[in-house]
Amino acid sequence: MCNYGGNFMDPYVLQNCSASNHIIGAKDHVFIQMNLVKVDKVTGRFEGQFTTYAICGDICRMGDFSL
């Protein structure tokens, strides 16, 4: 796939599981992605930053993971 500049781009970007560090494949339809926001401890307001966690389907099926 080429972008407007004519450069080759890969349309699929691989993700790693945050819990097990396994590669999440294109056929893994069970995986979840969570964005946990960072809040100010005093005011409790959103600071504009977040941390993204991706959990693969194998870990989700076990129902047992910790970040």
PDB file of N, CA and C in Angstrom:
ATOM      1  N   MET A   1       0.842  -1.158   0.000  1.00  0.00           N
ATOM      2  CA  MET A   1       0.000   0.000   0.000  1.00  0.00           C
ATOM      3  C   MET A   1       0.898   1.234   0.000  1.00  0.00           C
ATOM      4  N   CYS A   2       0.565   2.217  -0.812  1.00  0.00           N
ATOM      5  CA  CYS A   2       1.355   3.450  -0.904  1.00  0.00           C
ATOM      6  C   CYS A   2       0.541   4.620  -0.378  1.00  0.00           C
ATOM      7  N   ASN A   3       1.210   5.557   0.278  1.00  0.00           N
ATOM      8  CA  ASN A   3       0.534   6.760   0.743  1.00  0.00           C
ATOM      9  C   ASN A   3       0.566   7.815  -0.358  1.00  0.00           C
ATOM     10  N   TYR A   4       0.106   9.019  -0.050  1.00  0.00           N
ATOM     11  CA  TYR A   4       0.031  10.068  -1.070  1.00  0.00           C
ATOM     12  C   TYR A   4       1.407  10.506  -1.558  1.00  0.00           C
ATOM     13  N   GLY A   5       2.439  10.341  -0.740  1.00  0.00           N
ATOM     14  CA  GLY A   5       3.794  10.698  -1.146  1.00  0.00           C
ATOM     15  C   GLY A   5       4.465   9.638  -1.999  1.00  0.00           C
ATOM     16  N   GLY A   6       3.818   8.496  -2.201  1.00  0.00           N
ATOM     17  CA  GLY A   6       4.380   7.418  -2.994  1.00  0.00           C
ATOM     18  C   GLY A   6       5.241   6.464  -2.197  1.00  0.00           C
ATOM     19  N   ASN A   7       5.275   6.628  -0.879  1.00  0.00           N
ATOM     20  CA  ASN A   7       6.071   5.749  -0.024  1.00  0.00           C
ATOM     21  C   ASN A   7       5.272   4.512   0.349  1.00  0.00           C
ATOM     22  N   PHE A   8       5.975   3.369   0.427  1.00  0.00           N
ATOM     23  CA  PHE A   8       5.331   2.112   0.800  1.00  0.00           C
ATOM     24  C   PHE A   8       4.993   2.129   2.286  1.00  0.00           C
ATOM     25  N   MET A   9       3.775   1.710   2.618  1.00  0.00           N
ATOM     26  CA  MET A   9       3.335   1.631   4.010  1.00  0.00           C
ATOM     27  C   MET A   9       2.729   0.263   4.263  1.00  0.00           C
ATOM     28  N   ASP A  10       2.952  -0.274   5.438  1.00  0.00           N
ATOM     29  CA  ASP A  10       2.323  -1.524   5.842  1.00  0.00           C
ATOM     30  C   ASP A  10       0.973  -1.175   6.464  1.00  0.00           C
ATOM     31  N   PRO A  11      -0.135  -1.698   5.934  1.00  0.00           N
ATOM     32  CA  PRO A  11      -1.444  -1.311   6.457  1.00  0.00           C
ATOM     33  C   PRO A  11      -1.751  -1.902   7.831  1.00  0.00           C
ATOM     34  N   TYR A  12      -1.021  -2.916   8.258  1.00  0.00           N
ATOM     35  CA  TYR A  12      -1.280  -3.547   9.549  1.00  0.00           C
ATOM     36  C   TYR A  12      -0.070  -3.367  10.451  1.00  0.00           C
ATOM     37  N   VAL A  13      -0.276  -2.772  11.600  1.00  0.00           N
ATOM     38  CA  VAL A  13       0.797  -2.561  12.565  1.00  0.00           C
ATOM     39  C   VAL A  13       0.631  -3.599  13.667  1.00  0.00           C
ATOM     40  N   LEU A  14       1.669  -4.394  13.906  1.00  0.00           N
ATOM     41  CA  LEU A  14       1.607  -5.432  14.927  1.00  0.00           C
ATOM     42  C   LEU A  14       1.576  -4.821  16.319  1.00  0.00           C
ATOM     43  N   GLN A  15       0.826  -5.465  17.214  1.00  0.00           N
ATOM     44  CA  GLN A  15       0.776  -5.053  18.609  1.00  0.00           C
ATOM     45  C   GLN A  15       1.257  -6.200  19.468  1.00  0.00           C
ATOM     46  N   ASN A  16       1.851  -5.875  20.605  1.00  0.00           N
ATOM     47  CA  ASN A  16       2.259  -6.876  21.581  1.00  0.00           C
ATOM     48  C   ASN A  16       1.314  -6.830  22.759  1.00  0.00           C
ATOM     49  N   CYS A  17       1.062  -7.994  23.334  1.00  0.00           N
ATOM     50  CA  CYS A  17       0.243  -8.084  24.532  1.00  0.00           C
ATOM     51  C   CYS A  17       1.013  -7.459  25.693  1.00  0.00           C
ATOM     52  N   SER A  18       0.357  -6.611  26.469  1.00  0.00           N
ATOM     53  CA  SER A  18       1.012  -5.949  27.597  1.00  0.00           C
ATOM     54  C   SER A  18       1.278  -6.908  28.743  1.00  0.00           C
ATOM     55  N   ALA A  19       0.500  -7.970  28.863  1.00  0.00           N
ATOM     56  CA  ALA A  19       0.661  -8.907  29.974  1.00  0.00           C
ATOM     57  C   ALA A  19       1.670 -10.008  29.661  1.00  0.00           C
ATOM     58  N   SER A  20       1.633 -10.563  28.438  1.00  0.00           N
ATOM     59  CA  SER A  20       2.492 -11.706  28.117  1.00  0.00           C
ATOM     60  C   SER A  20       3.560 -11.399  27.071  1.00  0.00           C
ATOM     61  N   ASN A  21       3.499 -10.217  26.457  1.00  0.00           N
ATOM     62  CA  ASN A  21       4.440  -9.787  25.424  1.00  0.00           C
ATOM     63  C   ASN A  21       4.360 -10.639  24.158  1.00  0.00           C
ATOM     64  N   HIS A  22       3.260 -11.379  23.951  1.00  0.00           N
ATOM     65  CA  HIS A  22       3.044 -12.115  22.710  1.00  0.00           C
ATOM     66  C   HIS A  22       2.531 -11.152  21.643  1.00  0.00           C
ATOM     67  N   ILE A  23       2.801 -11.471  20.391  1.00  0.00           N
ATOM     68  CA  ILE A  23       2.300 -10.658  19.291  1.00  0.00           C
ATOM     69  C   ILE A  23       0.815 -10.942  19.108  1.00  0.00           C
ATOM     70  N   ILE A  24       0.022  -9.891  19.010  1.00  0.00           N
ATOM     71  CA  ILE A  24      -1.416 -10.027  18.778  1.00  0.00           C
ATOM     72  C   ILE A  24      -1.620 -10.071  17.270  1.00  0.00           C
ATOM     73  N   GLY A  25      -2.074 -11.198  16.781  1.00  0.00           N
ATOM     74  CA  GLY A  25      -2.239 -11.391  15.347  1.00  0.00           C
ATOM     75  C   GLY A  25      -3.501 -10.749  14.805  1.00  0.00           C
ATOM     76  N   ALA A  26      -3.599 -10.717  13.487  1.00  0.00           N
ATOM     77  CA  ALA A  26      -4.754 -10.117  12.828  1.00  0.00           C
ATOM     78  C   ALA A  26      -6.020 -10.928  13.060  1.00  0.00           C
ATOM     79  N   LYS A  27      -5.900 -12.217  13.319  1.00  0.00           N
ATOM     80  CA  LYS A  27      -7.061 -13.083  13.514  1.00  0.00           C
ATOM     81  C   LYS A  27      -7.496 -13.177  14.976  1.00  0.00           C
ATOM     82  N   ASP A  28      -6.824 -12.480  15.878  1.00  0.00           N
ATOM     83  CA  ASP A  28      -7.202 -12.493  17.294  1.00  0.00           C
ATOM     84  C   ASP A  28      -8.317 -11.474  17.495  1.00  0.00           C
ATOM     85  N   HIS A  29      -9.565 -11.940  17.447  1.00  0.00           N
ATOM     86  CA  HIS A  29     -10.721 -11.060  17.540  1.00  0.00           C
ATOM     87  C   HIS A  29     -11.206 -10.881  18.969  1.00  0.00           C
ATOM     88  N   VAL A  30     -10.507 -11.456  19.941  1.00  0.00           N
ATOM     89  CA  VAL A  30     -10.941 -11.396  21.335  1.00  0.00           C
ATOM     90  C   VAL A  30     -10.133 -10.367  22.125  1.00  0.00           C
ATOM     91  N   PHE A  31      -9.034  -9.880  21.582  1.00  0.00           N
ATOM     92  CA  PHE A  31      -8.158  -9.009  22.368  1.00  0.00           C
ATOM     93  C   PHE A  31      -8.855  -7.688  22.700  1.00  0.00           C
ATOM     94  N   ILE A  32      -8.437  -7.097  23.814  1.00  0.00           N
ATOM     95  CA  ILE A  32      -9.001  -5.817  24.232  1.00  0.00           C
ATOM     96  C   ILE A  32      -7.881  -4.789  24.324  1.00  0.00           C
ATOM     97  N   GLN A  33      -8.247  -3.547  24.151  1.00  0.00           N
ATOM     98  CA  GLN A  33      -7.299  -2.449  24.291  1.00  0.00           C
ATOM     99  C   GLN A  33      -7.915  -1.437  25.237  1.00  0.00           C
ATOM    100  N   MET A  34      -7.164  -1.080  26.281  1.00  0.00           N
ATOM    101  CA  MET A  34      -7.655  -0.139  27.288  1.00  0.00           C
ATOM    102  C   MET A  34      -6.768   1.091  27.294  1.00  0.00           C
ATOM    103  N   ASN A  35      -7.370   2.254  27.405  1.00  0.00           N
ATOM    104  CA  ASN A  35      -6.643   3.502  27.599  1.00  0.00           C
ATOM    105  C   ASN A  35      -6.939   3.979  29.012  1.00  0.00           C
ATOM    106  N   LEU A  36      -5.935   3.956  29.875  1.00  0.00           N
ATOM    107  CA  LEU A  36      -6.092   4.421  31.244  1.00  0.00           C
ATOM    108  C   LEU A  36      -5.551   5.838  31.323  1.00  0.00           C
ATOM    109  N   VAL A  37      -6.401   6.761  31.752  1.00  0.00           N
ATOM    110  CA  VAL A  37      -6.022   8.174  31.771  1.00  0.00           C
ATOM    111  C   VAL A  37      -5.251   8.511  33.037  1.00  0.00           C
ATOM    112  N   LYS A  38      -4.428   9.541  32.929  1.00  0.00           N
ATOM    113  CA  LYS A  38      -3.707  10.054  34.089  1.00  0.00           C
ATOM    114  C   LYS A  38      -4.462  11.273  34.596  1.00  0.00           C
ATOM    115  N   VAL A  39      -4.754  11.279  35.883  1.00  0.00           N
ATOM    116  CA  VAL A  39      -5.506  12.380  36.479  1.00  0.00           C
ATOM    117  C   VAL A  39      -4.644  13.093  37.513  1.00  0.00           C
ATOM    118  N   ASP A  40      -4.972  14.356  37.743  1.00  0.00           N
ATOM    119  CA  ASP A  40      -4.291  15.139  38.767  1.00  0.00           C
ATOM    120  C   ASP A  40      -4.755  14.650  40.129  1.00  0.00           C
ATOM    121  N   LYS A  41      -3.816  14.381  41.036  1.00  0.00           N
ATOM    122  CA  LYS A  41      -4.167  13.825  42.343  1.00  0.00           C
ATOM    123  C   LYS A  41      -4.926  14.819  43.206  1.00  0.00           C
ATOM    124  N   VAL A  42      -4.720  16.104  42.998  1.00  0.00           N
ATOM    125  CA  VAL A  42      -5.374  17.123  43.822  1.00  0.00           C
ATOM    126  C   VAL A  42      -6.770  17.431  43.300  1.00  0.00           C
ATOM    127  N   THR A  43      -6.883  17.738  42.007  1.00  0.00           N
ATOM    128  CA  THR A  43      -8.167  18.164  41.451  1.00  0.00           C
ATOM    129  C   THR A  43      -8.992  17.008  40.901  1.00  0.00           C
ATOM    130  N   GLY A  44      -8.348  15.899  40.543  1.00  0.00           N
ATOM    131  CA  GLY A  44      -9.068  14.774  39.956  1.00  0.00           C
ATOM    132  C   GLY A  44      -9.421  14.989  38.501  1.00  0.00           C
ATOM    133  N   ARG A  45      -8.762  15.928  37.845  1.00  0.00           N
ATOM    134  CA  ARG A  45      -9.053  16.222  36.440  1.00  0.00           C
ATOM    135  C   ARG A  45      -8.078  15.507  35.512  1.00  0.00           C
ATOM    136  N   PHE A  46      -8.561  15.274  34.303  1.00  0.00           N
ATOM    137  CA  PHE A  46      -7.778  14.625  33.254  1.00  0.00           C
ATOM    138  C   PHE A  46      -6.627  15.531  32.836  1.00  0.00           C
ATOM    139  N   GLU A  47      -5.395  14.994  32.797  1.00  0.00           N
ATOM    140  CA  GLU A  47      -4.209  15.778  32.458  1.00  0.00           C
ATOM    141  C   GLU A  47      -3.902  15.784  30.966  1.00  0.00           C
ATOM    142  N   GLY A  48      -4.625  15.039  30.170  1.00  0.00           N
ATOM    143  CA  GLY A  48      -4.366  14.990  28.735  1.00  0.00           C
ATOM    144  C   GLY A  48      -3.440  13.861  28.318  1.00  0.00           C
ATOM    145  N   GLN A  49      -3.044  13.003  29.254  1.00  0.00           N
ATOM    146  CA  GLN A  49      -2.172  11.879  28.942  1.00  0.00           C
ATOM    147  C   GLN A  49      -2.873  10.587  29.310  1.00  0.00           C
ATOM    148  N   PHE A  50      -2.519   9.524  28.609  1.00  0.00           N
ATOM    149  CA  PHE A  50      -3.068   8.217  28.939  1.00  0.00           C
ATOM    150  C   PHE A  50      -2.057   7.139  28.601  1.00  0.00           C
ATOM    151  N   THR A  51      -2.247   5.969  29.190  1.00  0.00           N
ATOM    152  CA  THR A  51      -1.411   4.806  28.937  1.00  0.00           C
ATOM    153  C   THR A  51      -2.277   3.745  28.277  1.00  0.00           C
ATOM    154  N   THR A  52      -1.781   3.147  27.200  1.00  0.00           N
ATOM    155  CA  THR A  52      -2.541   2.153  26.453  1.00  0.00           C
ATOM    156  C   THR A  52      -2.037   0.758  26.795  1.00  0.00           C
ATOM    157  N   TYR A  53      -2.969  -0.135  27.118  1.00  0.00           N
ATOM    158  CA  TYR A  53      -2.660  -1.536  27.382  1.00  0.00           C
ATOM    159  C   TYR A  53      -3.443  -2.384  26.392  1.00  0.00           C
ATOM    160  N   ALA A  54      -2.781  -3.357  25.776  1.00  0.00           N
ATOM    161  CA  ALA A  54      -3.422  -4.310  24.868  1.00  0.00           C
ATOM    162  C   ALA A  54      -3.282  -5.702  25.480  1.00  0.00           C
ATOM    163  N   ILE A  55      -4.398  -6.405  25.621  1.00  0.00           N
ATOM    164  CA  ILE A  55      -4.417  -7.738  26.222  1.00  0.00           C
ATOM    165  C   ILE A  55      -4.890  -8.726  25.161  1.00  0.00           C
ATOM    166  N   CYS A  56      -4.086  -9.772  24.898  1.00  0.00           N
ATOM    167  CA  CYS A  56      -4.420 -10.735  23.846  1.00  0.00           C
ATOM    168  C   CYS A  56      -5.576 -11.642  24.282  1.00  0.00           C
ATOM    169  N   GLY A  57      -6.164 -12.305  23.321  1.00  0.00           N
ATOM    170  CA  GLY A  57      -7.326 -13.146  23.566  1.00  0.00           C
ATOM    171  C   GLY A  57      -7.062 -14.317  24.486  1.00  0.00           C
ATOM    172  N   ASP A  58      -5.861 -14.891  24.439  1.00  0.00           N
ATOM    173  CA  ASP A  58      -5.542 -16.020  25.319  1.00  0.00           C
ATOM    174  C   ASP A  58      -5.585 -15.603  26.780  1.00  0.00           C
ATOM    175  N   ILE A  59      -5.067 -14.446  27.098  1.00  0.00           N
ATOM    176  CA  ILE A  59      -5.080 -13.948  28.472  1.00  0.00           C
ATOM    177  C   ILE A  59      -6.505 -13.569  28.876  1.00  0.00           C
ATOM    178  N   CYS A  60      -7.267 -12.985  27.953  1.00  0.00           N
ATOM    179  CA  CYS A  60      -8.663 -12.623  28.246  1.00  0.00           C
ATOM    180  C   CYS A  60      -9.495 -13.861  28.552  1.00  0.00           C
ATOM    181  N   ARG A  61      -9.277 -14.945  27.804  1.00  0.00           N
ATOM    182  CA  ARG A  61     -10.041 -16.170  28.023  1.00  0.00           C
ATOM    183  C   ARG A  61      -9.747 -16.784  29.380  1.00  0.00           C
ATOM    184  N   MET A  62      -8.506 -16.612  29.860  1.00  0.00           N
ATOM    185  CA  MET A  62      -8.167 -17.119  31.191  1.00  0.00           C
ATOM    186  C   MET A  62      -8.845 -16.290  32.279  1.00  0.00           C
ATOM    187  N   GLY A  63      -9.155 -15.034  31.961  1.00  0.00           N
ATOM    188  CA  GLY A  63      -9.793 -14.162  32.937  1.00  0.00           C
ATOM    189  C   GLY A  63      -8.866 -13.796  34.073  1.00  0.00           C
ATOM    190  N   ASP A  64      -7.568 -13.837  33.822  1.00  0.00           N
ATOM    191  CA  ASP A  64      -6.602 -13.664  34.893  1.00  0.00           C
ATOM    192  C   ASP A  64      -5.383 -12.938  34.343  1.00  0.00           C
ATOM    193  N   PHE A  65      -5.330 -11.639  34.561  1.00  0.00           N
ATOM    194  CA  PHE A  65      -4.143 -10.889  34.177  1.00  0.00           C
ATOM    195  C   PHE A  65      -3.963  -9.718  35.122  1.00  0.00           C
ATOM    196  N   SER A  66      -2.740  -9.286  35.270  1.00  0.00           N
ATOM    197  CA  SER A  66      -2.440  -8.109  36.082  1.00  0.00           C
ATOM    198  C   SER A  66      -1.415  -7.270  35.346  1.00  0.00           C
ATOM    199  N   LEU A  67      -1.594  -5.970  35.391  1.00  0.00           N
ATOM    200  CA  LEU A  67      -0.697  -5.065  34.668  1.00  0.00           C
ATOM    201  C   LEU A  67       0.283  -4.438  35.613  1.00  0.00           C
TER     202      LEU A  67
END
